[in-house]
All heavy atoms as atom14 arrays in JSON, in Angstrom:
{
  "sequence": "RSRPGQLLWRLTLLLTGVTLALPYLPLSHRLFDFTPLPVMVLSAVL",
  "atom14_mask": [
    [1, 1, 1, 1, 1, 1, 1, 1, 1, 1, 1, 0, 0, 0],
    [1, 1, 1, 1, 1, 1, 0, 0, 0, 0, 0, 0, 0, 0],
    [1, 1, 1, 1, 1, 1, 1, 1, 1, 1, 1, 0, 0, 0],
    [1, 1, 1, 1, 1, 1, 1, 0, 0, 0, 0, 0, 0, 0],
    [1, 1, 1, 1, 0, 0, 0, 0, 0, 0, 0, 0, 0, 0],
    [1, 1, 1, 1, 1, 1, 1, 1, 1, 0, 0, 0, 0, 0],
    [1, 1, 1, 1, 1, 1, 1, 1, 0, 0, 0, 0, 0, 0],
    [1, 1, 1, 1, 1, 1, 1, 1, 0, 0, 0, 0, 0, 0],
    [1, 1, 1, 1, 1, 1, 1, 1, 1, 1, 1, 1, 1, 1],
    [1, 1, 1, 1, 1, 1, 1, 1, 1, 1, 1, 0, 0, 0],
    [1, 1, 1, 1, 1, 1, 1, 1, 0, 0, 0, 0, 0, 0],
    [1, 1, 1, 1, 1, 1, 1, 0, 0, 0, 0, 0, 0, 0],
    [1, 1, 1, 1, 1, 1, 1, 1, 0, 0, 0, 0, 0, 0],
    [1, 1, 1, 1, 1, 1, 1, 1, 0, 0, 0, 0, 0, 0],
    [1, 1, 1, 1, 1, 1, 1, 1, 0, 0, 0, 0, 0, 0],
    [1, 1, 1, 1, 1, 1, 1, 0, 0, 0, 0, 0, 0, 0],
    [1, 1, 1, 1, 0, 0, 0, 0, 0, 0, 0, 0, 0, 0],
    [1, 1, 1, 1, 1, 1, 1, 0, 0, 0, 0, 0, 0, 0],
    [1, 1, 1, 1, 1, 1, 1, 0, 0, 0, 0, 0, 0, 0],
    [1, 1, 1, 1, 1, 1, 1, 1, 0, 0, 0, 0, 0, 0],
    [1, 1, 1, 1, 1, 0, 0, 0, 0, 0, 0, 0, 0, 0],
    [1, 1, 1, 1, 1, 1, 1, 1, 0, 0, 0, 0, 0, 0],
    [1, 1, 1, 1, 1, 1, 1, 0, 0, 0, 0, 0, 0, 0],
    [1, 1, 1, 1, 1, 1, 1, 1, 1, 1, 1, 1, 0, 0],
    [1, 1, 1, 1, 1, 1, 1, 1, 0, 0, 0, 0, 0, 0],
    [1, 1, 1, 1, 1, 1, 1, 0, 0, 0, 0, 0, 0, 0],
    [1, 1, 1, 1, 1, 1, 1, 1, 0, 0, 0, 0, 0, 0],
    [1, 1, 1, 1, 1, 1, 0, 0, 0, 0, 0, 0, 0, 0],
    [1, 1, 1, 1, 1, 1, 1, 1, 1, 1, 0, 0, 0, 0],
    [1, 1, 1, 1, 1, 1, 1, 1, 1, 1, 1, 0, 0, 0],
    [1, 1, 1, 1, 1, 1, 1, 1, 0, 0, 0, 0, 0, 0],
    [1, 1, 1, 1, 1, 1, 1, 1, 1, 1, 1, 0, 0, 0],
    [1, 1, 1, 1, 1, 1, 1, 1, 0, 0, 0, 0, 0, 0],
    [1, 1, 1, 1, 1, 1, 1, 1, 1, 1, 1, 0, 0, 0],
    [1, 1, 1, 1, 1, 1, 1, 0, 0, 0, 0, 0, 0, 0],
    [1, 1, 1, 1, 1, 1, 1, 0, 0, 0, 0, 0, 0, 0],
    [1, 1, 1, 1, 1, 1, 1, 1, 0, 0, 0, 0, 0, 0],
    [1, 1, 1, 1, 1, 1, 1, 0, 0, 0, 0, 0, 0, 0],
    [1, 1, 1, 1, 1, 1, 1, 0, 0, 0, 0, 0, 0, 0],
    [1, 1, 1, 1, 1, 1, 1, 1, 0, 0, 0, 0, 0, 0],
    [1, 1, 1, 1, 1, 1, 1, 0, 0, 0, 0, 0, 0, 0],
    [1, 1, 1, 1, 1, 1, 1, 1, 0, 0, 0, 0, 0, 0],
    [1, 1, 1, 1, 1, 1, 0, 0, 0, 0, 0, 0, 0, 0],
    [1, 1, 1, 1, 1, 0, 0, 0, 0, 0, 0, 0, 0, 0],
    [1, 1, 1, 1, 1, 1, 1, 0, 0, 0, 0, 0, 0, 0],
    [1, 1, 1, 1, 1, 1, 1, 1, 0, 0, 0, 0, 0, 0]
  ],
  "atom14_positions": [
    [[0.74, -1.23, 0.05], [0.01, -0.07, 0.06], [0.9, 1.27, -0.05], [0.33, 2.36, 0.12], [-0.95, 0.05, 1.23], [-1.89, -1.03, 1.11], [-3.03, -0.87, 2.24], [-3.97, -1.89, 2.12], [-5.02, -1.8, 2.62], [-5.51, -0.92, 3.41], [-5.87, -2.88, 2.5], [0.0, 0.0, 0.0], [0.0, 0.0, 0.0], [0.0, 0.0, 0.0]],
    [[2.04, 1.14, -0.11], [3.03, 2.29, 0.06], [3.99, 2.25, -1.12], [5.0, 1.45, -1.05], [3.78, 2.31, 1.35], [4.62, 3.34, 1.32], [0.0, 0.0, 0.0], [0.0, 0.0, 0.0], [0.0, 0.0, 0.0], [0.0, 0.0, 0.0], [0.0, 0.0, 0.0], [0.0, 0.0, 0.0], [0.0, 0.0, 0.0], [0.0, 0.0, 0.0]],
    [[3.85, 2.87, -2.19], [4.76, 2.79, -3.41], [5.97, 3.59, -3.04], [6.02, 4.65, -2.55], [4.1, 3.36, -4.65], [2.89, 2.61, -5.06], [2.41, 3.13, -6.34], [1.34, 2.19, -6.72], [1.36, 1.67, -7.97], [2.27, 1.91, -8.82], [0.21, 0.88, -8.25], [0.0, 0.0, 0.0], [0.0, 0.0, 0.0], [0.0, 0.0, 0.0]],
    [[7.16, 3.0, -3.36], [8.39, 3.67, -3.17], [8.56, 4.69, -4.34], [7.88, 4.71, -5.32], [9.48, 2.47, -3.39], [8.89, 1.51, -4.19], [7.33, 1.6, -3.91], [0.0, 0.0, 0.0], [0.0, 0.0, 0.0], [0.0, 0.0, 0.0], [0.0, 0.0, 0.0], [0.0, 0.0, 0.0], [0.0, 0.0, 0.0], [0.0, 0.0, 0.0]],
    [[9.51, 5.59, -4.1], [9.84, 6.58, -5.13], [10.37, 5.85, -6.39], [10.84, 4.77, -6.36], [0.0, 0.0, 0.0], [0.0, 0.0, 0.0], [0.0, 0.0, 0.0], [0.0, 0.0, 0.0], [0.0, 0.0, 0.0], [0.0, 0.0, 0.0], [0.0, 0.0, 0.0], [0.0, 0.0, 0.0], [0.0, 0.0, 0.0], [0.0, 0.0, 0.0]],
    [[10.22, 6.62, -7.49], [10.54, 5.91, -8.82], [11.98, 5.54, -8.75], [12.42, 4.51, -9.31], [10.24, 6.98, -9.97], [8.85, 7.09, -10.3], [8.28, 5.74, -10.8], [8.93, 5.11, -11.61], [7.13, 5.37, -10.27], [0.0, 0.0, 0.0], [0.0, 0.0, 0.0], [0.0, 0.0, 0.0], [0.0, 0.0, 0.0], [0.0, 0.0, 0.0]],
    [[12.91, 6.36, -8.32], [14.32, 6.11, -8.27], [14.58, 4.82, -7.47], [15.27, 3.82, -7.93], [15.17, 7.3, -7.74], [16.67, 7.12, -7.81], [17.15, 6.83, -9.24], [17.36, 8.31, -7.2], [0.0, 0.0, 0.0], [0.0, 0.0, 0.0], [0.0, 0.0, 0.0], [0.0, 0.0, 0.0], [0.0, 0.0, 0.0], [0.0, 0.0, 0.0]],
    [[14.07, 4.77, -6.31], [14.33, 3.61, -5.51], [13.74, 2.33, -6.09], [14.41, 1.27, -6.17], [13.67, 3.78, -4.04], [13.79, 2.61, -3.13], [15.3, 2.19, -2.8], [13.08, 2.94, -1.81], [0.0, 0.0, 0.0], [0.0, 0.0, 0.0], [0.0, 0.0, 0.0], [0.0, 0.0, 0.0], [0.0, 0.0, 0.0], [0.0, 0.0, 0.0]],
    [[12.6, 2.39, -6.58], [11.92, 1.26, -7.34], [12.83, 0.8, -8.46], [13.07, -0.37, -8.69], [10.57, 1.7, -7.73], [9.72, 0.57, -8.39], [9.31, 0.5, -9.68], [9.43, -0.74, -7.88], [8.57, -0.58, -9.87], [8.7, -1.43, -8.8], [9.62, -1.35, -6.6], [8.29, -2.76, -8.73], [9.15, -2.63, -6.42], [8.52, -3.37, -7.52]],
    [[13.13, 1.68, -9.38], [13.94, 1.36, -10.59], [15.27, 0.79, -10.08], [15.72, -0.19, -10.81], [14.11, 2.54, -11.47], [12.85, 2.93, -12.2], [12.87, 4.09, -13.09], [11.5, 4.36, -13.65], [11.34, 5.49, -14.43], [12.32, 6.31, -14.69], [10.09, 5.66, -14.9], [0.0, 0.0, 0.0], [0.0, 0.0, 0.0], [0.0, 0.0, 0.0]],
    [[15.97, 1.4, -9.22], [17.28, 0.77, -8.87], [17.23, -0.47, -8.17], [18.09, -1.3, -8.4], [17.9, 1.91, -7.88], [18.56, 3.07, -8.54], [19.11, 4.09, -7.44], [19.65, 2.78, -9.51], [0.0, 0.0, 0.0], [0.0, 0.0, 0.0], [0.0, 0.0, 0.0], [0.0, 0.0, 0.0], [0.0, 0.0, 0.0], [0.0, 0.0, 0.0]],
    [[16.06, -0.7, -7.37], [15.88, -1.96, -6.79], [15.65, -3.03, -7.95], [16.33, -4.18, -7.84], [14.71, -2.02, -5.93], [14.89, -1.07, -4.79], [14.44, -3.35, -5.28], [0.0, 0.0, 0.0], [0.0, 0.0, 0.0], [0.0, 0.0, 0.0], [0.0, 0.0, 0.0], [0.0, 0.0, 0.0], [0.0, 0.0, 0.0], [0.0, 0.0, 0.0]],
    [[14.83, -2.82, -8.93], [14.64, -3.7, -10.06], [15.95, -3.96, -10.84], [16.25, -5.12, -11.24], [13.58, -3.19, -11.0], [12.22, -3.26, -10.33], [11.11, -2.55, -11.33], [11.74, -4.71, -9.91], [0.0, 0.0, 0.0], [0.0, 0.0, 0.0], [0.0, 0.0, 0.0], [0.0, 0.0, 0.0], [0.0, 0.0, 0.0], [0.0, 0.0, 0.0]],
    [[16.66, -2.9, -11.15], [17.98, -2.96, -11.84], [18.89, -3.9, -11.03], [19.57, -4.88, -11.61], [18.58, -1.69, -12.14], [19.97, -1.63, -12.73], [19.87, -2.11, -14.16], [20.56, -0.26, -12.71], [0.0, 0.0, 0.0], [0.0, 0.0, 0.0], [0.0, 0.0, 0.0], [0.0, 0.0, 0.0], [0.0, 0.0, 0.0], [0.0, 0.0, 0.0]],
    [[19.11, -3.55, -9.84], [20.17, -4.34, -8.97], [19.65, -5.78, -8.81], [20.46, -6.68, -8.73], [20.31, -3.74, -7.68], [21.23, -2.35, -7.78], [21.33, -1.63, -6.46], [22.57, -2.62, -8.34], [0.0, 0.0, 0.0], [0.0, 0.0, 0.0], [0.0, 0.0, 0.0], [0.0, 0.0, 0.0], [0.0, 0.0, 0.0], [0.0, 0.0, 0.0]],
    [[18.39, -6.12, -8.72], [17.82, -7.38, -8.73], [18.27, -8.17, -9.97], [18.77, -9.24, -9.77], [16.38, -7.37, -8.44], [16.01, -6.82, -7.2], [15.84, -8.91, -8.6], [0.0, 0.0, 0.0], [0.0, 0.0, 0.0], [0.0, 0.0, 0.0], [0.0, 0.0, 0.0], [0.0, 0.0, 0.0], [0.0, 0.0, 0.0], [0.0, 0.0, 0.0]],
    [[18.03, -7.55, -11.09], [18.42, -8.15, -12.25], [19.91, -8.43, -12.47], [20.35, -9.49, -12.8], [0.0, 0.0, 0.0], [0.0, 0.0, 0.0], [0.0, 0.0, 0.0], [0.0, 0.0, 0.0], [0.0, 0.0, 0.0], [0.0, 0.0, 0.0], [0.0, 0.0, 0.0], [0.0, 0.0, 0.0], [0.0, 0.0, 0.0], [0.0, 0.0, 0.0]],
    [[20.7, -7.44, -11.97], [22.15, -7.67, -12.07], [22.5, -8.84, -11.01], [23.32, -9.62, -11.43], [22.89, -6.39, -11.69], [24.3, -6.68, -11.37], [22.71, -5.34, -12.73], [0.0, 0.0, 0.0], [0.0, 0.0, 0.0], [0.0, 0.0, 0.0], [0.0, 0.0, 0.0], [0.0, 0.0, 0.0], [0.0, 0.0, 0.0], [0.0, 0.0, 0.0]],
    [[21.97, -8.85, -9.83], [22.26, -9.88, -8.81], [21.91, -11.3, -9.33], [22.76, -12.29, -9.33], [21.35, -9.65, -7.58], [21.85, -8.33, -7.05], [21.61, -10.73, -6.64], [0.0, 0.0, 0.0], [0.0, 0.0, 0.0], [0.0, 0.0, 0.0], [0.0, 0.0, 0.0], [0.0, 0.0, 0.0], [0.0, 0.0, 0.0], [0.0, 0.0, 0.0]],
    [[20.79, -11.38, -10.01], [20.31, -12.77, -10.63], [21.32, -13.05, -11.84], [21.43, -14.22, -12.08], [18.91, -12.73, -10.97], [17.98, -12.59, -9.8], [16.53, -12.37, -10.3], [18.08, -13.85, -8.88], [0.0, 0.0, 0.0], [0.0, 0.0, 0.0], [0.0, 0.0, 0.0], [0.0, 0.0, 0.0], [0.0, 0.0, 0.0], [0.0, 0.0, 0.0]],
    [[21.64, -12.07, -12.69], [22.47, -12.37, -13.8], [23.93, -12.61, -13.49], [24.62, -13.39, -14.22], [22.38, -11.3, -14.86], [0.0, 0.0, 0.0], [0.0, 0.0, 0.0], [0.0, 0.0, 0.0], [0.0, 0.0, 0.0], [0.0, 0.0, 0.0], [0.0, 0.0, 0.0], [0.0, 0.0, 0.0], [0.0, 0.0, 0.0], [0.0, 0.0, 0.0]],
    [[24.48, -11.98, -12.48], [25.81, -12.11, -12.2], [26.51, -13.42, -12.14], [27.6, -13.6, -12.85], [26.21, -11.33, -10.84], [27.61, -10.97, -10.6], [28.27, -10.12, -11.68], [27.8, -10.41, -9.23], [0.0, 0.0, 0.0], [0.0, 0.0, 0.0], [0.0, 0.0, 0.0], [0.0, 0.0, 0.0], [0.0, 0.0, 0.0], [0.0, 0.0, 0.0]],
    [[25.89, -14.44, -11.64], [26.59, -15.75, -11.59], [26.63, -16.44, -13.01], [27.5, -17.26, -13.12], [25.59, -16.64, -10.68], [24.89, -15.66, -9.9], [24.68, -14.5, -10.7], [0.0, 0.0, 0.0], [0.0, 0.0, 0.0], [0.0, 0.0, 0.0], [0.0, 0.0, 0.0], [0.0, 0.0, 0.0], [0.0, 0.0, 0.0], [0.0, 0.0, 0.0]],
    [[25.89, -15.92, -13.95], [25.96, -16.42, -15.3], [26.88, -15.75, -16.24], [26.97, -16.04, -17.47], [24.45, -16.61, -15.83], [23.7, -17.37, -14.86], [22.9, -16.64, -13.84], [23.67, -18.83, -14.91], [22.18, -17.41, -13.01], [22.97, -19.5, -13.94], [22.11, -18.74, -12.99], [21.4, -19.53, -12.12], [0.0, 0.0, 0.0], [0.0, 0.0, 0.0]],
    [[27.27, -14.55, -15.81], [28.25, -13.75, -16.66], [29.66, -14.28, -16.74], [30.16, -14.94, -15.69], [28.28, -12.39, -16.24], [26.98, -11.54, -16.08], [27.06, -10.22, -15.52], [26.39, -11.44, -17.53], [0.0, 0.0, 0.0], [0.0, 0.0, 0.0], [0.0, 0.0, 0.0], [0.0, 0.0, 0.0], [0.0, 0.0, 0.0], [0.0, 0.0, 0.0]],
    [[30.25, -14.29, -17.87], [31.61, -14.86, -18.03], [32.68, -14.48, -17.07], [33.42, -15.31, -16.65], [32.02, -14.46, -19.44], [30.73, -14.07, -20.14], [29.83, -13.55, -19.08], [0.0, 0.0, 0.0], [0.0, 0.0, 0.0], [0.0, 0.0, 0.0], [0.0, 0.0, 0.0], [0.0, 0.0, 0.0], [0.0, 0.0, 0.0], [0.0, 0.0, 0.0]],
    [[32.75, -13.16, -16.72], [33.76, -12.77, -15.74], [33.57, -12.97, -14.21], [34.4, -12.82, -13.42], [34.09, -11.35, -16.01], [34.84, -11.0, -17.3], [35.02, -9.49, -17.52], [36.17, -11.65, -17.37], [0.0, 0.0, 0.0], [0.0, 0.0, 0.0], [0.0, 0.0, 0.0], [0.0, 0.0, 0.0], [0.0, 0.0, 0.0], [0.0, 0.0, 0.0]],
    [[32.34, -13.44, -13.89], [31.96, -13.68, -12.55], [32.87, -14.57, -11.92], [33.04, -14.59, -10.69], [30.56, -13.89, -12.37], [30.17, -15.2, -12.83], [0.0, 0.0, 0.0], [0.0, 0.0, 0.0], [0.0, 0.0, 0.0], [0.0, 0.0, 0.0], [0.0, 0.0, 0.0], [0.0, 0.0, 0.0], [0.0, 0.0, 0.0], [0.0, 0.0, 0.0]],
    [[33.21, -15.58, -12.6], [34.03, -16.71, -12.04], [35.43, -16.17, -11.7], [35.94, -16.44, -10.56], [34.1, -17.98, -12.94], [34.99, -19.12, -12.36], [34.55, -19.8, -11.22], [36.22, -19.49, -12.73], [35.49, -20.72, -10.91], [36.57, -20.47, -11.79], [0.0, 0.0, 0.0], [0.0, 0.0, 0.0], [0.0, 0.0, 0.0], [0.0, 0.0, 0.0]],
    [[35.91, -15.48, -12.65], [37.35, -14.93, -12.4], [37.35, -13.87, -11.3], [38.3, -13.8, -10.51], [37.92, -14.33, -13.65], [38.35, -15.31, -14.7], [39.08, -14.68, -15.79], [39.45, -15.58, -16.8], [39.94, -15.24, -17.93], [40.06, -14.04, -18.29], [40.21, -16.22, -18.82], [0.0, 0.0, 0.0], [0.0, 0.0, 0.0], [0.0, 0.0, 0.0]],
    [[36.34, -12.91, -11.33], [36.35, -11.79, -10.38], [35.88, -12.15, -8.99], [36.4, -11.78, -8.0], [35.44, -10.63, -10.92], [35.93, -10.01, -12.17], [34.82, -9.0, -12.63], [37.19, -9.27, -12.11], [0.0, 0.0, 0.0], [0.0, 0.0, 0.0], [0.0, 0.0, 0.0], [0.0, 0.0, 0.0], [0.0, 0.0, 0.0], [0.0, 0.0, 0.0]],
    [[34.91, -13.06, -8.97], [34.31, -13.35, -7.62], [34.26, -14.77, -7.27], [33.8, -15.21, -6.19], [32.83, -12.9, -7.52], [32.65, -11.57, -7.95], [32.04, -11.2, -9.27], [33.06, -10.5, -7.24], [31.81, -9.76, -9.56], [32.9, -9.14, -7.53], [32.31, -8.86, -8.79], [0.0, 0.0, 0.0], [0.0, 0.0, 0.0], [0.0, 0.0, 0.0]],
    [[34.78, -15.78, -8.13], [34.65, -17.17, -7.96], [33.22, -17.64, -7.85], [33.0, -18.55, -7.09], [35.58, -17.55, -6.67], [35.92, -19.06, -6.78], [35.89, -19.65, -7.92], [36.22, -19.69, -5.79], [0.0, 0.0, 0.0], [0.0, 0.0, 0.0], [0.0, 0.0, 0.0], [0.0, 0.0, 0.0], [0.0, 0.0, 0.0], [0.0, 0.0, 0.0]],
    [[32.38, -16.98, -8.58], [30.97, -17.41, -8.61], [30.82, -18.48, -9.57], [31.57, -18.68, -10.47], [30.0, -16.3, -8.99], [29.8, -15.28, -7.84], [29.28, -14.08, -8.1], [30.17, -15.61, -6.62], [29.08, -13.1, -7.12], [29.98, -14.54, -5.55], [29.4, -13.43, -5.78], [0.0, 0.0, 0.0], [0.0, 0.0, 0.0], [0.0, 0.0, 0.0]],
    [[29.79, -19.24, -9.54], [29.47, -20.29, -10.42], [27.96, -20.24, -10.85], [27.2, -19.81, -9.95], [29.84, -21.72, -9.9], [29.61, -22.64, -10.86], [29.09, -22.07, -8.69], [0.0, 0.0, 0.0], [0.0, 0.0, 0.0], [0.0, 0.0, 0.0], [0.0, 0.0, 0.0], [0.0, 0.0, 0.0], [0.0, 0.0, 0.0], [0.0, 0.0, 0.0]],
    [[27.56, -20.6, -11.96], [26.1, -20.6, -12.33], [25.38, -21.5, -11.21], [25.84, -22.53, -10.92], [26.04, -21.13, -13.71], [27.36, -20.8, -14.24], [28.36, -20.98, -13.22], [0.0, 0.0, 0.0], [0.0, 0.0, 0.0], [0.0, 0.0, 0.0], [0.0, 0.0, 0.0], [0.0, 0.0, 0.0], [0.0, 0.0, 0.0], [0.0, 0.0, 0.0]],
    [[24.21, -21.02, -10.9], [23.47, -21.89, -9.91], [22.54, -22.73, -10.65], [21.76, -22.38, -11.46], [22.73, -20.9, -8.92], [23.47, -20.03, -8.1], [22.6, -19.03, -7.37], [24.27, -20.88, -7.02], [0.0, 0.0, 0.0], [0.0, 0.0, 0.0], [0.0, 0.0, 0.0], [0.0, 0.0, 0.0], [0.0, 0.0, 0.0], [0.0, 0.0, 0.0]],
    [[22.38, -24.07, -10.24], [21.43, -24.94, -10.64], [20.0, -24.48, -10.39], [19.89, -23.72, -9.43], [21.74, -26.22, -10.04], [23.14, -26.11, -9.47], [23.34, -24.72, -9.28], [0.0, 0.0, 0.0], [0.0, 0.0, 0.0], [0.0, 0.0, 0.0], [0.0, 0.0, 0.0], [0.0, 0.0, 0.0], [0.0, 0.0, 0.0], [0.0, 0.0, 0.0]],
    [[19.09, -24.87, -11.26], [17.64, -24.34, -11.05], [17.13, -24.68, -9.58], [16.57, -23.8, -9.06], [16.79, -25.11, -12.07], [15.29, -24.8, -11.77], [17.17, -24.71, -13.52], [0.0, 0.0, 0.0], [0.0, 0.0, 0.0], [0.0, 0.0, 0.0], [0.0, 0.0, 0.0], [0.0, 0.0, 0.0], [0.0, 0.0, 0.0], [0.0, 0.0, 0.0]],
    [[17.37, -25.79, -9.01], [17.01, -26.12, -7.66], [17.64, -25.12, -6.64], [16.96, -24.77, -5.76], [17.4, -27.55, -7.3], [16.52, -28.62, -7.94], [14.77, -28.45, -7.48], [14.84, -28.79, -5.74], [0.0, 0.0, 0.0], [0.0, 0.0, 0.0], [0.0, 0.0, 0.0], [0.0, 0.0, 0.0], [0.0, 0.0, 0.0], [0.0, 0.0, 0.0]],
    [[18.89, -24.85, -6.86], [19.55, -23.9, -5.81], [18.82, -22.48, -6.02], [18.55, -21.81, -4.96], [21.06, -23.9, -6.08], [21.67, -22.79, -5.1], [21.56, -25.27, -5.81], [0.0, 0.0, 0.0], [0.0, 0.0, 0.0], [0.0, 0.0, 0.0], [0.0, 0.0, 0.0], [0.0, 0.0, 0.0], [0.0, 0.0, 0.0], [0.0, 0.0, 0.0]],
    [[18.79, -22.05, -7.2], [18.24, -20.64, -7.49], [16.82, -20.59, -6.96], [16.4, -19.63, -6.41], [18.33, -20.26, -9.0], [17.77, -18.96, -9.33], [18.61, -17.88, -8.57], [17.93, -18.79, -10.86], [0.0, 0.0, 0.0], [0.0, 0.0, 0.0], [0.0, 0.0, 0.0], [0.0, 0.0, 0.0], [0.0, 0.0, 0.0], [0.0, 0.0, 0.0]],
    [[15.97, -21.66, -7.22], [14.58, -21.68, -6.71], [14.55, -21.71, -5.19], [13.65, -20.97, -4.67], [13.92, -22.97, -7.23], [13.86, -23.02, -8.66], [0.0, 0.0, 0.0], [0.0, 0.0, 0.0], [0.0, 0.0, 0.0], [0.0, 0.0, 0.0], [0.0, 0.0, 0.0], [0.0, 0.0, 0.0], [0.0, 0.0, 0.0], [0.0, 0.0, 0.0]],
    [[15.47, -22.4, -4.58], [15.5, -22.35, -3.09], [15.91, -20.96, -2.68], [15.28, -20.46, -1.62], [16.51, -23.41, -2.63], [0.0, 0.0, 0.0], [0.0, 0.0, 0.0], [0.0, 0.0, 0.0], [0.0, 0.0, 0.0], [0.0, 0.0, 0.0], [0.0, 0.0, 0.0], [0.0, 0.0, 0.0], [0.0, 0.0, 0.0], [0.0, 0.0, 0.0]],
    [[16.93, -20.3, -3.23], [17.32, -18.96, -2.86], [16.07, -18.02, -3.01], [15.8, -17.2, -2.06], [18.43, -18.56, -3.68], [18.65, -17.1, -3.61], [19.7, -19.2, -3.16], [0.0, 0.0, 0.0], [0.0, 0.0, 0.0], [0.0, 0.0, 0.0], [0.0, 0.0, 0.0], [0.0, 0.0, 0.0], [0.0, 0.0, 0.0], [0.0, 0.0, 0.0]],
    [[15.35, -18.17, -4.15], [14.23, -17.19, -4.27], [13.13, -17.49, -3.28], [12.46, -16.6, -2.78], [13.69, -17.32, -5.7], [14.72, -16.83, -6.82], [14.03, -17.21, -8.19], [14.95, -15.35, -6.66], [0.0, 0.0, 0.0], [0.0, 0.0, 0.0], [0.0, 0.0, 0.0], [0.0, 0.0, 0.0], [0.0, 0.0, 0.0], [0.0, 0.0, 0.0]]
  ]
}
């Protein structure tokens, strides 16, 4: 019942997308030692 400001809402959506995409990006393994998450793990996290 309380909408956030446009900037907060858009940044939250943008950073959510980046967060979910990061493990699947090519450099994420080298930079952060991340690995793509299997569907079961990602589903559990969500």
